[in-house]
N, C-alpha and C. Protein backbone atom coordinates (compact mmCIF):
# COMPACT_ATOMS: atom_id res chain seq x y z
N UNK A 1 45.16 142.60 -11.26
CA UNK A 1 43.75 142.40 -11.55
C UNK A 1 42.99 142.21 -10.24
N UNK A 2 41.84 142.85 -10.17
CA UNK A 2 40.99 142.77 -8.99
C UNK A 2 40.20 141.47 -8.97
N UNK A 3 39.89 140.98 -7.77
CA UNK A 3 39.07 139.77 -7.63
C UNK A 3 37.67 140.00 -8.20
N UNK A 4 37.21 141.25 -8.22
CA UNK A 4 35.90 141.57 -8.80
C UNK A 4 35.90 141.32 -10.31
N UNK A 5 37.05 141.36 -10.93
CA UNK A 5 37.17 141.18 -12.38
C UNK A 5 37.46 139.74 -12.76
N UNK A 6 37.66 138.86 -11.79
CA UNK A 6 38.07 137.48 -12.06
C UNK A 6 37.07 136.76 -12.95
N UNK A 7 35.77 136.86 -12.65
CA UNK A 7 34.75 136.21 -13.46
C UNK A 7 34.11 137.14 -14.48
N UNK A 8 34.30 138.43 -14.34
CA UNK A 8 33.73 139.39 -15.28
C UNK A 8 32.22 139.46 -15.19
N UNK A 9 31.67 140.62 -15.55
CA UNK A 9 30.21 140.78 -15.57
C UNK A 9 29.85 142.18 -16.02
N UNK A 10 28.61 142.34 -16.40
CA UNK A 10 28.07 143.65 -16.76
C UNK A 10 26.60 143.67 -16.39
N UNK A 11 26.21 144.66 -15.59
CA UNK A 11 24.82 144.80 -15.17
C UNK A 11 24.38 146.23 -15.37
N UNK A 12 23.13 146.40 -15.77
CA UNK A 12 22.56 147.74 -15.91
C UNK A 12 21.09 147.69 -15.50
N UNK A 13 20.63 148.73 -14.82
CA UNK A 13 19.21 148.89 -14.49
C UNK A 13 18.82 150.32 -14.83
N UNK A 14 17.63 150.48 -15.40
CA UNK A 14 17.18 151.79 -15.86
C UNK A 14 15.70 151.94 -15.53
N UNK A 15 15.29 153.15 -15.20
CA UNK A 15 13.88 153.39 -14.88
C UNK A 15 13.17 154.07 -16.04
N UNK A 16 11.87 153.90 -16.05
CA UNK A 16 11.00 154.56 -17.01
C UNK A 16 9.77 155.06 -16.28
N UNK A 17 8.73 155.32 -17.02
CA UNK A 17 7.49 155.78 -16.44
C UNK A 17 6.75 154.56 -15.87
N UNK A 18 6.71 154.44 -14.54
CA UNK A 18 6.08 153.32 -13.85
C UNK A 18 6.64 151.96 -14.27
N UNK A 19 7.92 151.92 -14.63
CA UNK A 19 8.53 150.66 -15.03
C UNK A 19 10.04 150.74 -14.80
N UNK A 20 10.69 149.60 -14.91
CA UNK A 20 12.14 149.54 -14.85
C UNK A 20 12.62 148.42 -15.77
N UNK A 21 13.89 148.43 -16.07
CA UNK A 21 14.51 147.36 -16.84
C UNK A 21 15.83 147.01 -16.16
N UNK A 22 16.14 145.73 -16.13
CA UNK A 22 17.42 145.29 -15.61
C UNK A 22 17.97 144.25 -16.58
N UNK A 23 19.27 144.36 -16.86
CA UNK A 23 19.88 143.46 -17.85
C UNK A 23 21.30 143.13 -17.44
N UNK A 24 21.77 141.99 -17.90
CA UNK A 24 23.16 141.59 -17.65
C UNK A 24 23.64 140.70 -18.78
N UNK A 25 24.94 140.50 -18.80
CA UNK A 25 25.49 139.50 -19.70
C UNK A 25 25.33 138.14 -19.02
N UNK A 26 25.53 137.06 -19.77
CA UNK A 26 25.38 135.71 -19.21
C UNK A 26 26.71 134.96 -19.24
N UNK A 27 27.79 135.67 -19.52
CA UNK A 27 29.10 135.04 -19.63
C UNK A 27 29.72 134.85 -18.25
N UNK A 28 30.27 133.66 -18.03
CA UNK A 28 31.09 133.39 -16.87
C UNK A 28 32.48 133.05 -17.39
N UNK A 29 33.44 133.84 -16.99
CA UNK A 29 34.80 133.63 -17.46
C UNK A 29 35.78 133.55 -16.32
N UNK A 30 36.95 133.08 -16.65
CA UNK A 30 38.09 133.13 -15.74
C UNK A 30 39.13 133.95 -16.47
N UNK A 31 39.24 135.19 -16.08
CA UNK A 31 40.04 136.19 -16.78
C UNK A 31 39.52 136.29 -18.22
N UNK A 32 40.33 135.94 -19.21
CA UNK A 32 39.89 136.07 -20.61
C UNK A 32 39.31 134.78 -21.18
N UNK A 33 39.28 133.72 -20.42
CA UNK A 33 38.75 132.44 -20.89
C UNK A 33 37.27 132.33 -20.54
N UNK A 34 36.44 131.96 -21.51
CA UNK A 34 35.01 131.78 -21.27
C UNK A 34 34.76 130.37 -20.75
N UNK A 35 34.09 130.27 -19.63
CA UNK A 35 33.76 128.98 -19.01
C UNK A 35 32.34 128.58 -19.37
N UNK A 36 31.40 129.53 -19.32
CA UNK A 36 29.99 129.25 -19.62
C UNK A 36 29.35 130.49 -20.21
N UNK A 37 28.29 130.29 -20.95
CA UNK A 37 27.55 131.42 -21.54
C UNK A 37 26.11 131.45 -21.07
N UNK A 38 25.82 130.74 -19.98
CA UNK A 38 24.45 130.73 -19.45
C UNK A 38 24.43 130.95 -17.94
N UNK A 39 25.38 131.71 -17.43
CA UNK A 39 25.47 131.95 -16.00
C UNK A 39 24.45 133.01 -15.59
N UNK A 40 23.67 132.71 -14.57
CA UNK A 40 22.61 133.62 -14.14
C UNK A 40 23.16 134.68 -13.20
N UNK A 41 22.87 135.94 -13.52
CA UNK A 41 23.31 137.06 -12.68
C UNK A 41 22.12 137.89 -12.20
N UNK A 42 20.95 137.69 -12.77
CA UNK A 42 19.75 138.41 -12.34
C UNK A 42 18.77 137.41 -11.76
N UNK A 43 18.27 137.74 -10.56
CA UNK A 43 17.40 136.82 -9.83
C UNK A 43 16.10 137.52 -9.47
N UNK A 44 14.99 136.80 -9.66
CA UNK A 44 13.68 137.32 -9.30
C UNK A 44 13.44 137.03 -7.83
N UNK A 45 13.24 138.08 -7.04
CA UNK A 45 12.94 137.93 -5.62
C UNK A 45 11.43 137.76 -5.44
N UNK A 46 10.66 138.60 -6.08
CA UNK A 46 9.21 138.43 -6.22
C UNK A 46 8.78 139.17 -7.48
N UNK A 47 7.48 139.22 -7.76
CA UNK A 47 7.00 139.74 -9.04
C UNK A 47 7.44 141.17 -9.35
N UNK A 48 7.69 141.97 -8.33
CA UNK A 48 8.05 143.37 -8.55
C UNK A 48 9.45 143.72 -8.07
N UNK A 49 10.31 142.72 -7.89
CA UNK A 49 11.65 142.97 -7.35
C UNK A 49 12.67 142.01 -7.94
N UNK A 50 13.76 142.58 -8.46
CA UNK A 50 14.83 141.78 -9.05
C UNK A 50 16.17 142.21 -8.46
N UNK A 51 17.08 141.25 -8.39
CA UNK A 51 18.41 141.47 -7.86
C UNK A 51 19.43 141.02 -8.90
N UNK A 52 20.37 141.89 -9.21
CA UNK A 52 21.48 141.54 -10.08
C UNK A 52 22.76 141.52 -9.27
N UNK A 53 23.62 140.52 -9.51
CA UNK A 53 24.86 140.40 -8.76
C UNK A 53 26.04 140.27 -9.71
N UNK A 54 26.88 141.30 -9.74
CA UNK A 54 28.10 141.22 -10.53
C UNK A 54 29.24 140.85 -9.60
N UNK A 55 30.32 140.34 -10.17
CA UNK A 55 31.48 140.00 -9.36
C UNK A 55 31.78 138.52 -9.41
N UNK A 56 32.38 138.02 -8.35
CA UNK A 56 32.81 136.63 -8.26
C UNK A 56 31.59 135.70 -8.28
N UNK A 57 31.59 134.74 -9.18
CA UNK A 57 30.42 133.88 -9.40
C UNK A 57 29.99 133.11 -8.17
N UNK A 58 30.92 132.51 -7.44
CA UNK A 58 30.55 131.72 -6.26
C UNK A 58 29.98 132.61 -5.16
N UNK A 59 30.52 133.80 -5.00
CA UNK A 59 29.97 134.73 -4.00
C UNK A 59 28.59 135.21 -4.40
N UNK A 60 28.36 135.40 -5.70
CA UNK A 60 27.03 135.82 -6.17
C UNK A 60 25.99 134.76 -5.85
N UNK A 61 26.32 133.51 -6.07
CA UNK A 61 25.38 132.43 -5.78
C UNK A 61 25.11 132.31 -4.28
N UNK A 62 26.16 132.41 -3.47
CA UNK A 62 26.00 132.32 -2.02
C UNK A 62 25.17 133.47 -1.48
N UNK A 63 25.48 134.70 -1.94
CA UNK A 63 24.75 135.87 -1.48
C UNK A 63 23.28 135.78 -1.89
N UNK A 64 23.01 135.33 -3.10
CA UNK A 64 21.63 135.16 -3.56
C UNK A 64 20.87 134.21 -2.64
N UNK A 65 21.47 133.08 -2.30
CA UNK A 65 20.80 132.10 -1.43
C UNK A 65 20.50 132.69 -0.05
N UNK A 66 21.43 133.44 0.50
CA UNK A 66 21.21 134.05 1.82
C UNK A 66 20.09 135.09 1.76
N UNK A 67 20.03 135.86 0.67
CA UNK A 67 19.00 136.89 0.55
C UNK A 67 17.62 136.29 0.31
N UNK A 68 17.54 135.22 -0.45
CA UNK A 68 16.26 134.54 -0.65
C UNK A 68 15.77 133.98 0.68
N UNK A 69 16.67 133.40 1.46
CA UNK A 69 16.32 132.88 2.79
C UNK A 69 15.76 133.99 3.67
N UNK A 70 16.44 135.14 3.71
CA UNK A 70 15.99 136.25 4.54
C UNK A 70 14.65 136.81 4.05
N UNK A 71 14.46 136.84 2.73
CA UNK A 71 13.18 137.33 2.19
C UNK A 71 12.04 136.38 2.55
N UNK A 72 12.30 135.08 2.50
CA UNK A 72 11.26 134.12 2.87
C UNK A 72 10.89 134.24 4.35
N UNK A 73 11.89 134.47 5.19
CA UNK A 73 11.59 134.70 6.62
C UNK A 73 10.73 135.94 6.79
N UNK A 74 11.03 136.99 6.05
CA UNK A 74 10.25 138.23 6.10
C UNK A 74 8.80 137.96 5.67
N UNK A 75 8.63 137.19 4.57
CA UNK A 75 7.29 136.86 4.09
C UNK A 75 6.50 136.10 5.15
N UNK A 76 7.12 135.14 5.81
CA UNK A 76 6.43 134.37 6.85
C UNK A 76 6.02 135.24 8.02
N UNK A 77 6.91 136.14 8.42
CA UNK A 77 6.65 136.98 9.59
C UNK A 77 5.66 138.09 9.29
N UNK A 78 5.82 138.75 8.14
CA UNK A 78 5.01 139.93 7.80
C UNK A 78 3.80 139.63 6.92
N UNK A 79 3.77 138.45 6.30
CA UNK A 79 2.70 138.03 5.39
C UNK A 79 2.55 138.97 4.20
N UNK A 80 3.67 139.44 3.69
CA UNK A 80 3.70 140.27 2.48
C UNK A 80 5.12 140.26 1.93
N UNK A 81 5.26 140.72 0.68
CA UNK A 81 6.58 140.83 0.07
C UNK A 81 7.28 142.09 0.54
N UNK A 82 8.59 142.07 0.44
CA UNK A 82 9.38 143.26 0.80
C UNK A 82 9.26 144.33 -0.26
N UNK A 83 9.24 145.57 0.19
CA UNK A 83 9.34 146.69 -0.74
C UNK A 83 10.79 146.78 -1.21
N UNK A 84 11.02 147.32 -2.39
CA UNK A 84 12.40 147.42 -2.89
C UNK A 84 13.34 148.18 -1.95
N UNK A 85 12.84 149.25 -1.34
CA UNK A 85 13.68 150.02 -0.42
C UNK A 85 14.09 149.19 0.80
N UNK A 86 13.15 148.39 1.30
CA UNK A 86 13.43 147.51 2.44
C UNK A 86 14.43 146.44 2.05
N UNK A 87 14.25 145.87 0.86
CA UNK A 87 15.17 144.83 0.39
C UNK A 87 16.58 145.41 0.21
N UNK A 88 16.68 146.64 -0.30
CA UNK A 88 17.99 147.28 -0.45
C UNK A 88 18.66 147.44 0.91
N UNK A 89 17.90 147.80 1.92
CA UNK A 89 18.47 147.91 3.27
C UNK A 89 18.91 146.55 3.80
N UNK A 90 18.15 145.50 3.50
CA UNK A 90 18.53 144.15 3.89
C UNK A 90 19.84 143.74 3.23
N UNK A 91 19.94 143.97 1.92
CA UNK A 91 21.17 143.63 1.19
C UNK A 91 22.36 144.39 1.78
N UNK A 92 22.17 145.66 2.05
CA UNK A 92 23.22 146.47 2.64
C UNK A 92 23.67 145.92 3.98
N UNK A 93 22.72 145.52 4.82
CA UNK A 93 23.05 144.98 6.14
C UNK A 93 23.79 143.64 6.03
N UNK A 94 23.33 142.78 5.12
CA UNK A 94 23.99 141.48 4.93
C UNK A 94 25.43 141.68 4.46
N UNK A 95 25.63 142.61 3.54
CA UNK A 95 26.99 142.88 3.06
C UNK A 95 27.87 143.47 4.16
N UNK A 96 27.30 144.38 4.95
CA UNK A 96 28.08 145.02 5.99
C UNK A 96 28.48 144.05 7.10
N UNK A 97 27.66 143.03 7.33
CA UNK A 97 28.00 142.01 8.32
C UNK A 97 29.33 141.33 7.98
N UNK A 98 29.65 141.24 6.71
CA UNK A 98 30.86 140.56 6.25
C UNK A 98 31.93 141.56 5.79
N UNK A 99 31.94 142.76 6.35
CA UNK A 99 32.82 143.82 5.86
C UNK A 99 34.30 143.50 5.97
N UNK A 100 34.71 142.63 6.90
CA UNK A 100 36.13 142.31 7.05
C UNK A 100 36.56 141.13 6.18
N UNK A 101 35.59 140.43 5.64
CA UNK A 101 35.83 139.36 4.68
C UNK A 101 34.68 139.37 3.71
N UNK A 102 34.60 140.42 2.86
CA UNK A 102 33.36 140.68 2.11
C UNK A 102 33.08 139.69 0.99
N UNK A 103 31.80 139.66 0.61
CA UNK A 103 31.42 139.00 -0.64
C UNK A 103 31.95 139.87 -1.76
N UNK A 104 32.58 139.26 -2.73
CA UNK A 104 33.12 140.03 -3.85
C UNK A 104 32.04 140.20 -4.90
N UNK A 105 31.01 140.96 -4.53
CA UNK A 105 29.85 141.21 -5.38
C UNK A 105 29.48 142.68 -5.32
N UNK A 106 28.91 143.14 -6.41
CA UNK A 106 28.34 144.48 -6.44
C UNK A 106 26.88 144.32 -6.86
N UNK A 107 25.93 144.43 -5.91
CA UNK A 107 24.53 144.20 -6.23
C UNK A 107 23.87 145.37 -6.94
N UNK A 108 22.89 145.04 -7.77
CA UNK A 108 22.00 146.02 -8.39
C UNK A 108 20.59 145.57 -8.05
N UNK A 109 19.79 146.47 -7.47
CA UNK A 109 18.43 146.15 -7.07
C UNK A 109 17.48 147.01 -7.88
N UNK A 110 16.48 146.37 -8.47
CA UNK A 110 15.48 147.09 -9.27
C UNK A 110 14.11 146.54 -8.93
N UNK A 111 13.17 147.45 -8.70
CA UNK A 111 11.83 147.01 -8.36
C UNK A 111 10.81 148.12 -8.45
N UNK A 112 9.57 147.74 -8.22
CA UNK A 112 8.47 148.70 -8.19
C UNK A 112 7.95 148.78 -6.77
N UNK A 113 7.89 150.00 -6.25
CA UNK A 113 7.41 150.22 -4.90
C UNK A 113 5.94 150.57 -4.89
N UNK A 114 5.55 151.39 -3.92
CA UNK A 114 4.17 151.83 -3.81
C UNK A 114 3.76 152.61 -5.04
N UNK A 115 2.52 152.42 -5.49
CA UNK A 115 1.98 153.09 -6.68
C UNK A 115 2.82 152.84 -7.91
N UNK A 116 3.47 151.68 -7.98
CA UNK A 116 4.33 151.29 -9.11
C UNK A 116 5.42 152.32 -9.39
N UNK A 117 5.94 152.92 -8.35
CA UNK A 117 7.05 153.86 -8.50
C UNK A 117 8.34 153.05 -8.63
N UNK A 118 9.12 153.25 -9.71
CA UNK A 118 10.34 152.46 -9.89
C UNK A 118 11.43 152.84 -8.89
N UNK A 119 12.19 151.84 -8.48
CA UNK A 119 13.30 152.02 -7.55
C UNK A 119 14.49 151.25 -8.08
N UNK A 120 15.64 151.90 -8.16
CA UNK A 120 16.88 151.22 -8.52
C UNK A 120 17.98 151.70 -7.59
N UNK A 121 18.89 150.81 -7.30
CA UNK A 121 20.08 151.20 -6.54
C UNK A 121 21.16 150.16 -6.74
N UNK A 122 22.36 150.56 -6.46
CA UNK A 122 23.50 149.65 -6.46
C UNK A 122 24.28 149.92 -5.19
N UNK A 123 25.20 149.04 -4.89
CA UNK A 123 26.03 149.25 -3.71
C UNK A 123 27.37 148.57 -3.90
N UNK A 124 28.33 148.95 -3.06
CA UNK A 124 29.63 148.31 -3.14
C UNK A 124 29.62 147.03 -2.30
N UNK A 125 30.78 146.41 -2.19
CA UNK A 125 30.85 145.09 -1.54
C UNK A 125 30.62 145.13 -0.04
N UNK A 126 30.65 146.31 0.58
CA UNK A 126 30.36 146.37 2.02
C UNK A 126 29.03 147.06 2.30
N UNK A 127 28.22 147.28 1.28
CA UNK A 127 26.85 147.71 1.49
C UNK A 127 26.57 149.19 1.42
N UNK A 128 27.51 150.00 0.95
CA UNK A 128 27.25 151.44 0.81
C UNK A 128 26.35 151.66 -0.40
N UNK A 129 25.13 152.15 -0.15
CA UNK A 129 24.13 152.30 -1.20
C UNK A 129 24.39 153.52 -2.08
N UNK A 130 24.06 153.35 -3.35
CA UNK A 130 24.06 154.46 -4.31
C UNK A 130 22.70 154.45 -4.98
N UNK A 131 21.84 155.38 -4.58
CA UNK A 131 20.51 155.47 -5.15
C UNK A 131 20.56 156.33 -6.41
N UNK A 132 19.70 156.02 -7.36
CA UNK A 132 19.67 156.79 -8.61
C UNK A 132 18.23 156.95 -9.07
N UNK A 133 17.98 158.00 -9.83
CA UNK A 133 16.65 158.24 -10.38
C UNK A 133 16.57 157.88 -11.87
N UNK A 134 17.70 157.56 -12.47
CA UNK A 134 17.70 157.28 -13.91
C UNK A 134 18.26 155.90 -14.23
N UNK A 135 19.52 155.63 -13.92
CA UNK A 135 20.11 154.33 -14.22
C UNK A 135 21.28 154.06 -13.28
N UNK A 136 21.60 152.77 -13.13
CA UNK A 136 22.78 152.34 -12.39
C UNK A 136 23.47 151.24 -13.19
N UNK A 137 24.77 151.14 -13.01
CA UNK A 137 25.55 150.10 -13.69
C UNK A 137 26.48 149.44 -12.68
N UNK A 138 26.93 148.23 -13.00
CA UNK A 138 27.86 147.52 -12.14
C UNK A 138 28.64 146.52 -12.99
N UNK A 139 29.77 146.10 -12.48
CA UNK A 139 30.56 145.08 -13.15
C UNK A 139 31.79 145.63 -13.83
N UNK A 140 32.48 144.74 -14.52
CA UNK A 140 33.75 145.12 -15.14
C UNK A 140 33.54 146.01 -16.37
N UNK A 141 32.36 146.01 -16.94
CA UNK A 141 32.08 146.83 -18.11
C UNK A 141 31.36 148.13 -17.76
N UNK A 142 31.42 148.53 -16.49
CA UNK A 142 30.62 149.68 -16.05
C UNK A 142 31.00 150.98 -16.75
N UNK A 143 32.27 151.18 -17.07
CA UNK A 143 32.65 152.42 -17.76
C UNK A 143 31.97 152.52 -19.12
N UNK A 144 31.94 151.43 -19.85
CA UNK A 144 31.28 151.41 -21.16
C UNK A 144 29.77 151.57 -21.03
N UNK A 145 29.21 150.95 -19.99
CA UNK A 145 27.76 151.02 -19.79
C UNK A 145 27.32 152.43 -19.41
N UNK A 146 28.13 153.17 -18.66
CA UNK A 146 27.79 154.55 -18.33
C UNK A 146 27.58 155.37 -19.59
N UNK A 147 28.49 155.25 -20.54
CA UNK A 147 28.37 156.00 -21.79
C UNK A 147 27.13 155.63 -22.57
N UNK A 148 26.85 154.33 -22.66
CA UNK A 148 25.66 153.87 -23.38
C UNK A 148 24.38 154.37 -22.70
N UNK A 149 24.34 154.29 -21.38
CA UNK A 149 23.14 154.74 -20.64
C UNK A 149 22.95 156.24 -20.76
N UNK A 150 24.04 157.00 -20.65
CA UNK A 150 23.92 158.45 -20.76
C UNK A 150 23.41 158.88 -22.13
N UNK A 151 23.79 158.15 -23.17
CA UNK A 151 23.35 158.53 -24.51
C UNK A 151 21.93 158.05 -24.82
N UNK A 152 21.47 157.00 -24.16
CA UNK A 152 20.17 156.44 -24.50
C UNK A 152 19.05 156.81 -23.53
N UNK A 153 19.37 157.22 -22.31
CA UNK A 153 18.33 157.47 -21.32
C UNK A 153 17.57 158.76 -21.62
N UNK A 154 16.24 158.65 -21.49
CA UNK A 154 15.36 159.81 -21.58
C UNK A 154 14.37 159.71 -20.43
N UNK A 155 14.08 160.82 -19.76
CA UNK A 155 13.13 160.75 -18.64
C UNK A 155 11.76 160.25 -19.08
N UNK A 156 11.10 159.51 -18.21
CA UNK A 156 9.74 158.99 -18.42
C UNK A 156 9.62 158.13 -19.67
N UNK A 157 10.61 157.29 -19.93
CA UNK A 157 10.47 156.33 -21.03
C UNK A 157 9.35 155.38 -20.68
N UNK A 158 8.66 154.87 -21.67
CA UNK A 158 7.55 153.95 -21.42
C UNK A 158 7.94 152.56 -21.87
N UNK A 159 7.36 151.57 -21.22
CA UNK A 159 7.67 150.18 -21.57
C UNK A 159 6.87 149.75 -22.79
N UNK A 160 7.49 148.91 -23.58
CA UNK A 160 6.84 148.31 -24.74
C UNK A 160 6.69 146.84 -24.46
N UNK A 161 5.48 146.33 -24.57
CA UNK A 161 5.25 144.91 -24.30
C UNK A 161 5.19 144.10 -25.55
């Protein structure tokens, strides 16, 4: 069993017409045993940017704290929020810094860029980005999520409020 599967997780992000959706399970387990059902895996970075972290729970929390710190430094220096593409590059760089002792996480980044253009991407534990125009999945349930996304995704879906 892989260390990425130790706590289990499922994350999905999908784009629509000037919108995106990101979702995850809330289960924290140790192999097949459920420890908690309210574990946070999706984090709001700012109003138009969200980060999902699948993988080892403690690494997800640590990585989230480091990324929030770096984003706050960016806000102080630049006096604006990061664009999703910039944040994805930051996440990639932070992961690559630890490539010889990586965080056991697979991030999913979803946000709205310029002109409310949706942006989604995922990456592996050392920061190799995978950009997509439709949907991305991560976690131990990714094979099942691919099938569900392929059957449900339609270009230019609109959000319902």
